[in-house]
N, C-alpha and C. Protein backbone atom coordinates (compact mmCIF):
# COMPACT_ATOMS: atom_id res chain seq x y z
N MET A 1 -31.79 -1.63 -6.65
CA MET A 1 -31.13 -1.66 -5.34
C MET A 1 -29.98 -0.65 -5.28
N THR A 2 -29.22 -0.57 -6.38
CA THR A 2 -28.07 0.34 -6.37
C THR A 2 -28.50 1.79 -6.23
N SER A 3 -29.73 2.09 -6.68
CA SER A 3 -30.21 3.46 -6.59
C SER A 3 -30.37 3.92 -5.15
N ARG A 4 -30.46 2.96 -4.23
CA ARG A 4 -30.62 3.28 -2.82
C ARG A 4 -29.28 3.63 -2.16
N LEU A 5 -28.18 3.31 -2.82
CA LEU A 5 -26.86 3.59 -2.26
C LEU A 5 -26.49 5.05 -2.51
N SER A 6 -25.78 5.62 -1.57
CA SER A 6 -25.32 7.00 -1.75
C SER A 6 -24.30 7.06 -2.87
N GLN A 7 -24.15 8.24 -3.45
CA GLN A 7 -23.18 8.42 -4.53
C GLN A 7 -21.77 8.09 -4.07
N GLN A 8 -21.45 8.44 -2.83
CA GLN A 8 -20.12 8.16 -2.30
C GLN A 8 -19.87 6.67 -2.18
N LEU A 9 -20.89 5.92 -1.73
CA LEU A 9 -20.74 4.48 -1.58
C LEU A 9 -20.64 3.80 -2.94
N GLN A 10 -21.42 4.28 -3.91
CA GLN A 10 -21.33 3.72 -5.25
C GLN A 10 -19.93 3.95 -5.83
N GLN A 11 -19.40 5.15 -5.61
CA GLN A 11 -18.06 5.45 -6.11
C GLN A 11 -17.02 4.58 -5.45
N ARG A 12 -17.21 4.28 -4.18
CA ARG A 12 -16.27 3.43 -3.46
C ARG A 12 -16.26 2.01 -4.03
N PHE A 13 -17.45 1.51 -4.39
CA PHE A 13 -17.55 0.20 -5.02
C PHE A 13 -16.77 0.18 -6.34
N VAL A 14 -16.97 1.23 -7.13
CA VAL A 14 -16.31 1.31 -8.43
C VAL A 14 -14.80 1.37 -8.26
N GLU A 15 -14.33 2.15 -7.31
CA GLU A 15 -12.90 2.27 -7.07
C GLU A 15 -12.29 0.97 -6.56
N SER A 16 -13.11 0.11 -5.96
CA SER A 16 -12.64 -1.18 -5.47
C SER A 16 -12.62 -2.24 -6.56
N GLY A 17 -13.11 -1.89 -7.75
CA GLY A 17 -13.07 -2.83 -8.87
C GLY A 17 -14.42 -3.41 -9.25
N PHE A 18 -15.46 -3.05 -8.53
CA PHE A 18 -16.79 -3.58 -8.83
C PHE A 18 -17.59 -2.56 -9.63
N SER A 19 -18.55 -3.07 -10.38
CA SER A 19 -19.50 -2.18 -11.07
C SER A 19 -20.90 -2.76 -10.91
N PHE A 20 -21.88 -2.09 -11.46
CA PHE A 20 -23.26 -2.47 -11.22
C PHE A 20 -23.93 -3.01 -12.48
N ILE A 21 -24.98 -3.77 -12.29
CA ILE A 21 -25.75 -4.35 -13.39
C ILE A 21 -27.04 -3.56 -13.54
N SER A 22 -27.28 -3.08 -14.74
CA SER A 22 -28.51 -2.34 -14.98
C SER A 22 -29.70 -3.29 -14.97
N GLN A 23 -30.89 -2.74 -14.87
CA GLN A 23 -32.09 -3.59 -14.83
C GLN A 23 -32.26 -4.42 -16.10
N PRO A 24 -32.11 -3.84 -17.29
CA PRO A 24 -32.23 -4.67 -18.50
C PRO A 24 -31.18 -5.78 -18.56
N GLU A 25 -29.94 -5.44 -18.17
CA GLU A 25 -28.88 -6.46 -18.16
C GLU A 25 -29.21 -7.55 -17.16
N GLY A 26 -29.74 -7.17 -16.00
CA GLY A 26 -30.08 -8.14 -14.97
C GLY A 26 -31.15 -9.10 -15.43
N LEU A 27 -32.16 -8.59 -16.13
CA LEU A 27 -33.24 -9.46 -16.63
C LEU A 27 -32.73 -10.42 -17.70
N GLN A 28 -31.81 -9.93 -18.52
CA GLN A 28 -31.24 -10.78 -19.56
C GLN A 28 -30.39 -11.89 -18.95
N ILE A 29 -29.58 -11.55 -17.95
CA ILE A 29 -28.75 -12.54 -17.27
C ILE A 29 -29.62 -13.56 -16.54
N LEU A 30 -30.68 -13.08 -15.88
CA LEU A 30 -31.58 -13.98 -15.17
C LEU A 30 -32.23 -14.98 -16.11
N GLU A 31 -32.61 -14.50 -17.29
CA GLU A 31 -33.22 -15.38 -18.30
C GLU A 31 -32.25 -16.48 -18.72
N GLN A 32 -31.00 -16.10 -18.92
CA GLN A 32 -30.00 -17.09 -19.32
C GLN A 32 -29.75 -18.11 -18.22
N LEU A 33 -29.70 -17.66 -16.98
CA LEU A 33 -29.43 -18.55 -15.85
C LEU A 33 -30.59 -19.51 -15.62
N MET A 34 -31.81 -19.04 -15.79
CA MET A 34 -32.98 -19.90 -15.58
C MET A 34 -33.07 -20.99 -16.64
N ALA A 35 -32.42 -20.75 -17.77
CA ALA A 35 -32.41 -21.77 -18.83
C ALA A 35 -31.34 -22.82 -18.59
N GLY A 36 -30.46 -22.55 -17.62
CA GLY A 36 -29.38 -23.48 -17.32
C GLY A 36 -29.74 -24.45 -16.22
N THR A 37 -28.75 -25.22 -15.77
CA THR A 37 -28.97 -26.25 -14.75
C THR A 37 -28.20 -26.00 -13.46
N MET A 38 -27.42 -24.92 -13.39
CA MET A 38 -26.63 -24.66 -12.19
C MET A 38 -27.53 -24.17 -11.06
N ALA A 39 -27.29 -24.72 -9.86
CA ALA A 39 -28.14 -24.41 -8.71
C ALA A 39 -27.78 -23.07 -8.07
N GLN A 40 -26.50 -22.74 -8.03
CA GLN A 40 -26.06 -21.50 -7.41
C GLN A 40 -25.10 -20.77 -8.34
N VAL A 41 -25.43 -19.53 -8.62
CA VAL A 41 -24.61 -18.73 -9.52
C VAL A 41 -24.54 -17.30 -8.98
N GLY A 42 -23.36 -16.72 -9.05
CA GLY A 42 -23.19 -15.32 -8.69
C GLY A 42 -22.69 -14.55 -9.90
N VAL A 43 -23.28 -13.42 -10.16
CA VAL A 43 -22.89 -12.60 -11.32
C VAL A 43 -22.52 -11.21 -10.82
N MET A 44 -21.30 -10.78 -11.16
CA MET A 44 -20.83 -9.46 -10.72
C MET A 44 -19.81 -8.94 -11.72
N PRO A 45 -20.06 -7.79 -12.34
CA PRO A 45 -19.03 -7.20 -13.22
C PRO A 45 -17.85 -6.73 -12.38
N ILE A 46 -16.65 -7.20 -12.72
CA ILE A 46 -15.46 -6.86 -11.94
C ILE A 46 -14.34 -6.39 -12.86
N ASN A 47 -13.75 -5.27 -12.49
CA ASN A 47 -12.54 -4.78 -13.14
C ASN A 47 -11.38 -5.44 -12.41
N TRP A 48 -10.88 -6.56 -12.94
CA TRP A 48 -9.91 -7.37 -12.21
C TRP A 48 -8.60 -6.64 -11.91
N PRO A 49 -8.01 -5.92 -12.85
CA PRO A 49 -6.77 -5.20 -12.50
C PRO A 49 -6.97 -4.25 -11.33
N ARG A 50 -8.07 -3.50 -11.35
CA ARG A 50 -8.34 -2.57 -10.25
C ARG A 50 -8.65 -3.33 -8.97
N PHE A 51 -9.39 -4.43 -9.08
CA PHE A 51 -9.74 -5.23 -7.90
C PHE A 51 -8.48 -5.72 -7.19
N PHE A 52 -7.53 -6.25 -7.94
CA PHE A 52 -6.30 -6.76 -7.32
C PHE A 52 -5.44 -5.61 -6.78
N GLN A 53 -5.51 -4.47 -7.43
CA GLN A 53 -4.74 -3.32 -6.96
C GLN A 53 -5.27 -2.83 -5.62
N GLN A 54 -6.59 -2.90 -5.43
CA GLN A 54 -7.21 -2.38 -4.22
C GLN A 54 -7.34 -3.42 -3.11
N ASN A 55 -7.20 -4.71 -3.45
CA ASN A 55 -7.40 -5.77 -2.46
C ASN A 55 -6.19 -6.68 -2.45
N SER A 56 -5.18 -6.30 -1.67
CA SER A 56 -3.91 -7.03 -1.68
C SER A 56 -4.05 -8.46 -1.21
N ALA A 57 -4.97 -8.74 -0.28
CA ALA A 57 -5.14 -10.11 0.22
C ALA A 57 -5.61 -11.05 -0.88
N ALA A 58 -6.32 -10.51 -1.87
CA ALA A 58 -6.85 -11.34 -2.95
C ALA A 58 -5.75 -11.88 -3.86
N THR A 59 -4.58 -11.23 -3.86
CA THR A 59 -3.50 -11.65 -4.75
C THR A 59 -2.92 -12.99 -4.37
N THR A 60 -3.16 -13.44 -3.15
CA THR A 60 -2.62 -14.73 -2.69
C THR A 60 -3.72 -15.77 -2.51
N SER A 61 -4.93 -15.46 -2.93
CA SER A 61 -6.05 -16.39 -2.76
C SER A 61 -6.00 -17.47 -3.84
N PRO A 62 -5.95 -18.77 -3.45
CA PRO A 62 -5.97 -19.84 -4.45
C PRO A 62 -7.23 -19.80 -5.31
N PHE A 63 -8.33 -19.36 -4.71
CA PHE A 63 -9.61 -19.29 -5.43
C PHE A 63 -9.53 -18.33 -6.62
N LEU A 64 -8.71 -17.29 -6.50
CA LEU A 64 -8.61 -16.27 -7.55
C LEU A 64 -7.30 -16.36 -8.34
N GLU A 65 -6.59 -17.47 -8.19
CA GLU A 65 -5.26 -17.60 -8.79
C GLU A 65 -5.28 -17.42 -10.31
N VAL A 66 -6.28 -17.98 -10.97
CA VAL A 66 -6.36 -17.87 -12.43
C VAL A 66 -6.52 -16.41 -12.85
N PHE A 67 -7.37 -15.69 -12.13
CA PHE A 67 -7.59 -14.28 -12.46
C PHE A 67 -6.35 -13.45 -12.14
N GLN A 68 -5.68 -13.79 -11.05
CA GLN A 68 -4.47 -13.06 -10.66
C GLN A 68 -3.39 -13.23 -11.71
N GLN A 69 -3.23 -14.42 -12.25
CA GLN A 69 -2.20 -14.66 -13.27
C GLN A 69 -2.48 -13.87 -14.53
N GLN A 70 -3.75 -13.67 -14.85
CA GLN A 70 -4.11 -12.98 -16.08
C GLN A 70 -4.22 -11.47 -15.91
N PHE A 71 -4.75 -11.05 -14.75
CA PHE A 71 -5.05 -9.63 -14.59
C PHE A 71 -4.29 -8.93 -13.47
N GLY A 72 -3.56 -9.70 -12.64
CA GLY A 72 -2.92 -9.12 -11.46
C GLY A 72 -1.93 -8.04 -11.82
N GLN A 73 -1.86 -7.03 -10.94
CA GLN A 73 -0.95 -5.92 -11.14
C GLN A 73 0.42 -6.21 -10.54
N GLN A 74 1.41 -5.44 -10.95
CA GLN A 74 2.73 -5.56 -10.36
C GLN A 74 2.68 -5.05 -8.92
N THR A 75 3.26 -5.82 -8.02
CA THR A 75 3.24 -5.43 -6.61
C THR A 75 4.63 -5.58 -6.03
N GLY A 76 4.76 -5.09 -4.79
CA GLY A 76 6.00 -5.29 -4.05
C GLY A 76 7.20 -4.74 -4.78
N GLU A 77 8.23 -5.60 -4.96
CA GLU A 77 9.49 -5.13 -5.50
C GLU A 77 9.37 -4.67 -6.94
N HIS A 78 8.24 -4.99 -7.62
CA HIS A 78 8.08 -4.58 -9.01
C HIS A 78 7.17 -3.37 -9.16
N SER A 79 6.65 -2.82 -8.07
CA SER A 79 5.71 -1.72 -8.17
C SER A 79 6.42 -0.46 -8.66
N PRO A 80 5.71 0.38 -9.42
CA PRO A 80 6.32 1.61 -9.94
C PRO A 80 6.85 2.50 -8.82
N PHE A 81 6.09 2.60 -7.71
CA PHE A 81 6.57 3.47 -6.64
C PHE A 81 7.86 2.96 -6.04
N LEU A 82 7.97 1.65 -5.83
CA LEU A 82 9.18 1.11 -5.20
C LEU A 82 10.39 1.29 -6.11
N LYS A 83 10.18 1.21 -7.41
CA LYS A 83 11.27 1.48 -8.34
C LYS A 83 11.71 2.93 -8.23
N GLN A 84 10.73 3.83 -8.09
CA GLN A 84 11.05 5.24 -7.93
C GLN A 84 11.78 5.50 -6.62
N TRP A 85 11.33 4.81 -5.57
CA TRP A 85 11.96 4.93 -4.25
C TRP A 85 13.43 4.53 -4.32
N GLU A 86 13.70 3.41 -4.98
CA GLU A 86 15.07 2.90 -5.05
C GLU A 86 15.96 3.80 -5.91
N ALA A 87 15.36 4.52 -6.88
CA ALA A 87 16.14 5.39 -7.74
C ALA A 87 16.34 6.78 -7.15
N THR A 88 15.69 7.07 -6.03
CA THR A 88 15.76 8.39 -5.41
C THR A 88 16.88 8.43 -4.38
N PRO A 89 17.69 9.49 -4.35
CA PRO A 89 18.74 9.61 -3.32
C PRO A 89 18.13 9.50 -1.92
N VAL A 90 18.84 8.86 -1.02
CA VAL A 90 18.32 8.57 0.32
C VAL A 90 17.79 9.81 1.03
N PRO A 91 18.50 10.95 1.03
CA PRO A 91 17.98 12.11 1.76
C PRO A 91 16.67 12.66 1.21
N GLU A 92 16.34 12.31 -0.05
CA GLU A 92 15.13 12.82 -0.68
C GLU A 92 13.95 11.86 -0.58
N ARG A 93 14.17 10.69 0.00
CA ARG A 93 13.12 9.68 -0.01
C ARG A 93 11.94 10.00 0.90
N ARG A 94 12.20 10.66 2.01
CA ARG A 94 11.08 11.00 2.89
C ARG A 94 10.09 11.93 2.19
N ALA A 95 10.61 12.91 1.46
CA ALA A 95 9.74 13.83 0.72
C ALA A 95 8.95 13.09 -0.34
N LEU A 96 9.59 12.12 -1.00
CA LEU A 96 8.90 11.30 -2.00
C LEU A 96 7.78 10.50 -1.36
N LEU A 97 8.08 9.87 -0.24
CA LEU A 97 7.08 9.07 0.46
C LEU A 97 5.95 9.94 0.98
N MET A 98 6.28 11.11 1.51
CA MET A 98 5.27 12.04 2.00
C MET A 98 4.30 12.43 0.88
N SER A 99 4.84 12.75 -0.28
CA SER A 99 4.00 13.14 -1.42
C SER A 99 3.12 11.99 -1.87
N TYR A 100 3.69 10.79 -1.88
CA TYR A 100 2.93 9.62 -2.35
C TYR A 100 1.80 9.28 -1.39
N VAL A 101 2.09 9.21 -0.11
CA VAL A 101 1.06 8.86 0.89
C VAL A 101 -0.01 9.95 0.94
N ARG A 102 0.40 11.20 0.84
CA ARG A 102 -0.56 12.30 0.85
C ARG A 102 -1.52 12.19 -0.35
N SER A 103 -0.99 11.83 -1.51
CA SER A 103 -1.83 11.67 -2.70
C SER A 103 -2.82 10.51 -2.54
N LEU A 104 -2.34 9.41 -1.95
CA LEU A 104 -3.24 8.28 -1.70
C LEU A 104 -4.35 8.68 -0.74
N LEU A 105 -3.99 9.38 0.32
CA LEU A 105 -4.98 9.83 1.29
C LEU A 105 -6.01 10.75 0.63
N ALA A 106 -5.55 11.65 -0.21
CA ALA A 106 -6.46 12.58 -0.88
C ALA A 106 -7.43 11.83 -1.78
N ARG A 107 -6.93 10.82 -2.47
CA ARG A 107 -7.81 10.03 -3.35
C ARG A 107 -8.85 9.28 -2.54
N VAL A 108 -8.40 8.65 -1.45
CA VAL A 108 -9.32 7.89 -0.61
C VAL A 108 -10.38 8.79 0.01
N LEU A 109 -9.98 9.99 0.42
CA LEU A 109 -10.89 10.92 1.08
C LEU A 109 -11.71 11.76 0.09
N GLY A 110 -11.35 11.69 -1.19
CA GLY A 110 -12.07 12.49 -2.17
C GLY A 110 -11.70 13.95 -2.13
N ILE A 111 -10.45 14.25 -1.73
CA ILE A 111 -9.96 15.62 -1.66
C ILE A 111 -9.20 15.93 -2.94
N SER A 112 -9.58 17.00 -3.63
CA SER A 112 -8.99 17.32 -4.93
C SER A 112 -7.55 17.80 -4.82
N ASP A 113 -7.25 18.53 -3.76
CA ASP A 113 -5.89 19.07 -3.58
C ASP A 113 -5.20 18.37 -2.40
N PRO A 114 -4.24 17.48 -2.67
CA PRO A 114 -3.56 16.75 -1.59
C PRO A 114 -2.91 17.66 -0.56
N GLN A 115 -2.51 18.87 -0.99
CA GLN A 115 -1.83 19.79 -0.07
C GLN A 115 -2.74 20.27 1.05
N GLN A 116 -4.03 20.04 0.92
CA GLN A 116 -4.95 20.40 1.99
C GLN A 116 -4.74 19.53 3.23
N ILE A 117 -4.13 18.36 3.05
CA ILE A 117 -3.86 17.46 4.17
C ILE A 117 -2.55 17.88 4.82
N LYS A 118 -2.63 18.44 6.01
CA LYS A 118 -1.45 18.92 6.71
C LYS A 118 -0.75 17.78 7.46
N PRO A 119 0.58 17.84 7.56
CA PRO A 119 1.34 16.75 8.19
C PRO A 119 0.89 16.40 9.61
N GLN A 120 0.53 17.40 10.42
CA GLN A 120 0.18 17.16 11.82
C GLN A 120 -1.33 17.07 12.05
N GLN A 121 -2.11 17.13 10.99
CA GLN A 121 -3.56 17.12 11.14
C GLN A 121 -4.07 15.70 11.40
N PRO A 122 -4.87 15.47 12.45
CA PRO A 122 -5.44 14.15 12.71
C PRO A 122 -6.29 13.69 11.52
N LEU A 123 -5.98 12.52 10.98
CA LEU A 123 -6.65 12.06 9.77
C LEU A 123 -8.13 11.78 10.00
N PHE A 124 -8.47 11.37 11.22
CA PHE A 124 -9.88 11.06 11.47
C PHE A 124 -10.71 12.34 11.54
N ASP A 125 -10.07 13.49 11.72
CA ASP A 125 -10.79 14.75 11.66
C ASP A 125 -11.20 15.09 10.23
N LEU A 126 -10.57 14.43 9.26
CA LEU A 126 -10.89 14.67 7.85
C LEU A 126 -12.05 13.82 7.37
N GLY A 127 -12.55 12.95 8.25
CA GLY A 127 -13.71 12.13 7.89
C GLY A 127 -13.37 10.74 7.39
N ILE A 128 -12.15 10.29 7.62
CA ILE A 128 -11.78 8.95 7.18
C ILE A 128 -12.51 7.91 8.02
N ASP A 129 -13.06 6.87 7.36
CA ASP A 129 -13.79 5.84 8.07
C ASP A 129 -13.09 4.50 7.92
N SER A 130 -13.69 3.44 8.47
CA SER A 130 -13.03 2.13 8.51
C SER A 130 -12.79 1.57 7.11
N LEU A 131 -13.72 1.79 6.19
CA LEU A 131 -13.52 1.29 4.82
C LEU A 131 -12.39 2.04 4.13
N MET A 132 -12.31 3.33 4.39
CA MET A 132 -11.22 4.12 3.81
C MET A 132 -9.87 3.69 4.37
N VAL A 133 -9.85 3.37 5.67
CA VAL A 133 -8.62 2.88 6.31
C VAL A 133 -8.17 1.60 5.63
N LEU A 134 -9.11 0.69 5.38
CA LEU A 134 -8.78 -0.57 4.72
C LEU A 134 -8.29 -0.33 3.29
N ASP A 135 -8.96 0.57 2.59
CA ASP A 135 -8.57 0.91 1.22
C ASP A 135 -7.15 1.45 1.18
N LEU A 136 -6.84 2.38 2.08
CA LEU A 136 -5.50 2.97 2.13
C LEU A 136 -4.45 1.91 2.46
N ARG A 137 -4.72 1.10 3.46
CA ARG A 137 -3.76 0.06 3.85
C ARG A 137 -3.50 -0.89 2.69
N ASN A 138 -4.55 -1.30 1.96
CA ASN A 138 -4.38 -2.21 0.84
C ASN A 138 -3.49 -1.60 -0.24
N GLN A 139 -3.71 -0.33 -0.53
CA GLN A 139 -2.90 0.33 -1.56
C GLN A 139 -1.44 0.46 -1.13
N LEU A 140 -1.23 0.76 0.14
CA LEU A 140 0.14 0.87 0.64
C LEU A 140 0.83 -0.49 0.62
N GLN A 141 0.13 -1.54 1.00
CA GLN A 141 0.72 -2.88 0.98
C GLN A 141 1.12 -3.28 -0.44
N MET A 142 0.26 -2.96 -1.40
CA MET A 142 0.55 -3.33 -2.78
C MET A 142 1.76 -2.57 -3.32
N SER A 143 1.84 -1.28 -3.04
CA SER A 143 2.89 -0.46 -3.63
C SER A 143 4.22 -0.57 -2.89
N LEU A 144 4.17 -0.84 -1.58
CA LEU A 144 5.40 -0.92 -0.79
C LEU A 144 5.89 -2.35 -0.62
N GLY A 145 5.05 -3.32 -0.94
CA GLY A 145 5.46 -4.72 -0.80
C GLY A 145 5.64 -5.15 0.63
N LYS A 146 4.84 -4.57 1.54
CA LYS A 146 4.94 -4.90 2.96
C LYS A 146 3.56 -5.19 3.51
N THR A 147 3.51 -6.12 4.46
CA THR A 147 2.28 -6.38 5.19
C THR A 147 2.16 -5.38 6.33
N LEU A 148 1.05 -4.66 6.35
CA LEU A 148 0.85 -3.61 7.34
C LEU A 148 -0.28 -3.98 8.28
N ARG A 149 -0.14 -3.59 9.54
CA ARG A 149 -1.13 -3.92 10.55
C ARG A 149 -2.47 -3.25 10.27
N SER A 150 -3.54 -3.89 10.72
CA SER A 150 -4.88 -3.34 10.49
C SER A 150 -5.13 -2.07 11.29
N THR A 151 -4.35 -1.86 12.36
CA THR A 151 -4.51 -0.68 13.20
C THR A 151 -3.58 0.45 12.79
N LEU A 152 -3.10 0.43 11.55
CA LEU A 152 -2.06 1.35 11.09
C LEU A 152 -2.42 2.81 11.37
N LEU A 153 -3.61 3.23 10.98
CA LEU A 153 -3.97 4.64 11.14
C LEU A 153 -4.39 4.98 12.56
N PHE A 154 -4.69 3.98 13.36
CA PHE A 154 -4.98 4.25 14.77
C PHE A 154 -3.66 4.45 15.53
N ASP A 155 -2.65 3.70 15.12
CA ASP A 155 -1.33 3.84 15.76
C ASP A 155 -0.58 5.07 15.26
N TYR A 156 -0.82 5.45 14.02
CA TYR A 156 -0.14 6.60 13.41
C TYR A 156 -1.19 7.49 12.76
N PRO A 157 -1.89 8.30 13.56
CA PRO A 157 -3.10 8.99 13.10
C PRO A 157 -2.89 10.29 12.35
N THR A 158 -1.65 10.67 12.08
CA THR A 158 -1.40 11.87 11.27
C THR A 158 -0.53 11.49 10.08
N LEU A 159 -0.53 12.34 9.07
CA LEU A 159 0.29 12.08 7.88
C LEU A 159 1.75 11.98 8.25
N ASP A 160 2.23 12.88 9.09
CA ASP A 160 3.64 12.89 9.48
C ASP A 160 4.02 11.61 10.23
N ALA A 161 3.17 11.18 11.16
CA ALA A 161 3.45 9.96 11.92
C ALA A 161 3.41 8.73 11.02
N LEU A 162 2.45 8.69 10.11
CA LEU A 162 2.32 7.55 9.20
C LEU A 162 3.53 7.44 8.28
N VAL A 163 3.95 8.57 7.71
CA VAL A 163 5.10 8.57 6.81
C VAL A 163 6.37 8.19 7.57
N GLY A 164 6.50 8.68 8.81
CA GLY A 164 7.68 8.33 9.62
C GLY A 164 7.77 6.85 9.86
N TYR A 165 6.63 6.23 10.17
CA TYR A 165 6.62 4.78 10.40
C TYR A 165 6.96 4.03 9.12
N LEU A 166 6.33 4.39 8.01
CA LEU A 166 6.58 3.69 6.75
C LEU A 166 8.03 3.87 6.29
N GLU A 167 8.59 5.04 6.53
CA GLU A 167 9.99 5.28 6.17
C GLU A 167 10.92 4.36 6.95
N ARG A 168 10.68 4.23 8.25
CA ARG A 168 11.51 3.33 9.07
C ARG A 168 11.38 1.89 8.60
N GLU A 169 10.15 1.47 8.27
CA GLU A 169 9.93 0.11 7.80
C GLU A 169 10.66 -0.15 6.49
N MET A 170 10.62 0.81 5.59
CA MET A 170 11.27 0.61 4.30
C MET A 170 12.78 0.67 4.40
N LEU A 171 13.31 1.52 5.28
CA LEU A 171 14.75 1.54 5.50
C LEU A 171 15.23 0.21 6.07
N GLU A 172 14.46 -0.32 7.02
CA GLU A 172 14.83 -1.60 7.61
C GLU A 172 14.74 -2.71 6.57
N GLN A 173 13.73 -2.65 5.71
CA GLN A 173 13.59 -3.66 4.66
C GLN A 173 14.77 -3.63 3.71
N SER A 174 15.21 -2.42 3.32
CA SER A 174 16.37 -2.28 2.44
C SER A 174 17.63 -2.79 3.12
N PHE A 175 17.77 -2.48 4.41
CA PHE A 175 18.93 -2.91 5.18
C PHE A 175 19.00 -4.44 5.26
N GLN A 176 17.86 -5.06 5.58
CA GLN A 176 17.82 -6.51 5.69
C GLN A 176 18.07 -7.17 4.35
N GLY A 177 17.49 -6.58 3.28
CA GLY A 177 17.67 -7.17 1.96
C GLY A 177 19.13 -7.17 1.54
N ASN A 178 19.84 -6.10 1.81
CA ASN A 178 21.26 -6.04 1.45
C ASN A 178 22.11 -6.98 2.30
N ARG A 179 21.75 -7.16 3.56
CA ARG A 179 22.49 -8.11 4.39
C ARG A 179 22.31 -9.53 3.88
N GLU A 180 21.07 -9.85 3.43
CA GLU A 180 20.81 -11.19 2.91
C GLU A 180 21.56 -11.45 1.62
N GLU A 181 21.89 -10.39 0.89
CA GLU A 181 22.64 -10.55 -0.34
C GLU A 181 24.14 -10.68 -0.08
N GLY A 182 24.52 -10.68 1.19
CA GLY A 182 25.92 -10.93 1.53
C GLY A 182 26.80 -9.71 1.48
N THR A 183 26.27 -8.58 1.93
CA THR A 183 27.06 -7.36 1.90
C THR A 183 28.04 -7.28 3.06
N GLY A 184 28.01 -8.30 3.92
CA GLY A 184 28.98 -8.31 5.01
C GLY A 184 28.32 -8.15 6.35
N ASN A 185 29.01 -8.56 7.40
CA ASN A 185 28.47 -8.52 8.75
C ASN A 185 28.78 -7.22 9.47
N ARG A 186 29.73 -6.45 8.96
CA ARG A 186 30.11 -5.20 9.64
C ARG A 186 30.16 -4.08 8.60
N VAL A 187 29.65 -2.94 9.01
CA VAL A 187 29.66 -1.78 8.13
C VAL A 187 30.18 -0.59 8.93
N SER A 188 31.06 0.23 8.34
CA SER A 188 31.60 1.39 9.04
C SER A 188 30.73 2.60 8.76
N VAL A 189 30.12 3.17 9.79
CA VAL A 189 29.30 4.36 9.64
C VAL A 189 29.46 5.24 10.86
N GLY A 190 29.48 6.58 10.63
CA GLY A 190 29.43 7.56 11.72
C GLY A 190 30.36 7.25 12.87
N ARG A 191 30.23 8.00 13.94
CA ARG A 191 30.95 7.77 15.18
C ARG A 191 32.38 7.32 14.97
N GLY A 192 33.12 8.10 14.16
CA GLY A 192 34.53 7.78 13.94
C GLY A 192 34.74 6.59 13.05
N ASN A 193 33.69 6.23 12.21
CA ASN A 193 33.78 5.08 11.31
C ASN A 193 34.08 3.79 12.05
N SER A 194 33.58 3.67 13.26
CA SER A 194 33.76 2.42 13.99
C SER A 194 32.83 1.37 13.43
N PRO A 195 33.25 0.08 13.42
CA PRO A 195 32.42 -0.96 12.83
C PRO A 195 31.16 -1.20 13.65
N LEU A 196 30.07 -1.48 12.94
CA LEU A 196 28.80 -1.76 13.59
C LEU A 196 28.71 -3.24 13.91
N PRO A 197 28.51 -3.65 15.16
CA PRO A 197 28.46 -5.06 15.51
C PRO A 197 27.29 -5.76 14.83
N THR A 198 27.42 -7.05 14.62
CA THR A 198 26.36 -7.84 14.03
C THR A 198 25.30 -8.14 15.08
N GLN A 199 24.12 -7.54 14.93
CA GLN A 199 22.98 -7.76 15.80
C GLN A 199 21.75 -7.82 14.92
N SER A 200 20.56 -7.92 15.51
CA SER A 200 19.35 -7.85 14.71
C SER A 200 19.25 -6.46 14.12
N SER A 201 18.67 -6.36 12.92
CA SER A 201 18.61 -5.06 12.24
C SER A 201 17.83 -4.04 13.03
N GLN A 202 16.83 -4.43 13.76
CA GLN A 202 16.05 -3.48 14.55
C GLN A 202 16.90 -2.85 15.63
N ASP A 203 17.71 -3.65 16.32
CA ASP A 203 18.57 -3.12 17.37
C ASP A 203 19.61 -2.18 16.78
N GLU A 204 20.17 -2.57 15.62
CA GLU A 204 21.19 -1.75 15.00
C GLU A 204 20.64 -0.39 14.61
N LEU A 205 19.48 -0.39 13.97
CA LEU A 205 18.89 0.86 13.53
C LEU A 205 18.45 1.73 14.69
N ALA A 206 17.98 1.09 15.76
CA ALA A 206 17.47 1.84 16.91
C ALA A 206 18.58 2.65 17.58
N ASP A 207 19.83 2.18 17.47
CA ASP A 207 20.95 2.85 18.13
C ASP A 207 21.54 3.98 17.29
N LEU A 208 21.05 4.14 16.06
CA LEU A 208 21.65 5.12 15.16
C LEU A 208 20.78 6.37 15.06
N SER A 209 21.44 7.50 14.81
CA SER A 209 20.70 8.72 14.52
C SER A 209 20.17 8.64 13.10
N GLU A 210 19.31 9.61 12.75
CA GLU A 210 18.74 9.61 11.40
C GLU A 210 19.83 9.76 10.35
N ASP A 211 20.81 10.64 10.59
CA ASP A 211 21.90 10.83 9.63
C ASP A 211 22.72 9.56 9.46
N GLU A 212 22.92 8.84 10.57
CA GLU A 212 23.71 7.61 10.50
C GLU A 212 22.96 6.51 9.75
N VAL A 213 21.64 6.48 9.91
CA VAL A 213 20.84 5.51 9.17
C VAL A 213 20.96 5.77 7.67
N PHE A 214 20.85 7.06 7.29
CA PHE A 214 21.00 7.40 5.88
C PHE A 214 22.38 7.01 5.36
N ALA A 215 23.40 7.29 6.15
CA ALA A 215 24.77 6.96 5.74
C ALA A 215 24.96 5.45 5.60
N LEU A 216 24.37 4.71 6.54
CA LEU A 216 24.47 3.25 6.51
C LEU A 216 23.81 2.69 5.27
N LEU A 217 22.60 3.18 5.00
CA LEU A 217 21.88 2.67 3.85
C LEU A 217 22.60 3.03 2.55
N ALA A 218 23.11 4.23 2.48
CA ALA A 218 23.84 4.66 1.29
C ALA A 218 25.05 3.76 1.04
N SER A 219 25.78 3.42 2.11
CA SER A 219 26.95 2.55 1.94
C SER A 219 26.55 1.14 1.54
N GLU A 220 25.38 0.70 2.05
CA GLU A 220 24.91 -0.63 1.70
C GLU A 220 24.51 -0.73 0.24
N LEU A 221 24.00 0.40 -0.32
CA LEU A 221 23.49 0.39 -1.69
C LEU A 221 24.59 0.63 -2.73
N GLU A 222 25.77 0.99 -2.28
CA GLU A 222 26.87 1.24 -3.23
C GLU A 222 27.34 -0.06 -3.86
């Protein structure tokens, strides 16, 4: 059956954590199952670390809890990328995020040189399909520790737009996290160092310029 699948589809299965059973292996497994008493059995070779890395929703499934505890990857606040993000100076973070998202897109699309993906180029012109969209969203959710909408690439269809949205989301997440840690209700930034009133973080950020957001975040992280 697997021989009927295209090479690209087979590769996509492998990248998602699944692999295939050869005919001799299948006959051997079938023989063992027929000697047993179980009425329903499913057999599938799975690379669990890769599976959890590519399928963020599976990390919270009670059905897979045992496998997640043994094989689950570091996600969210413990992900390598998020540690790198936090260690990077604020003005340099957009370039870091751009490089990271571009690399993920190149891997999903099977493009050897990530630089071929231009910031303003429509991603769907590159041949990205619905499964690739899901794959990319899952990887971003795992590495950024954020739940992302299923329409992410439809709402932000270029690399530049996607990175801009993710940057705003991560800045807001950092801002909210520091407020929850008790950094204070008022922060002096820009505009003559006047205090920022206590409002919802979205309203506060929306009223600030990009430079003021960077300054605010920098002061919060000190």
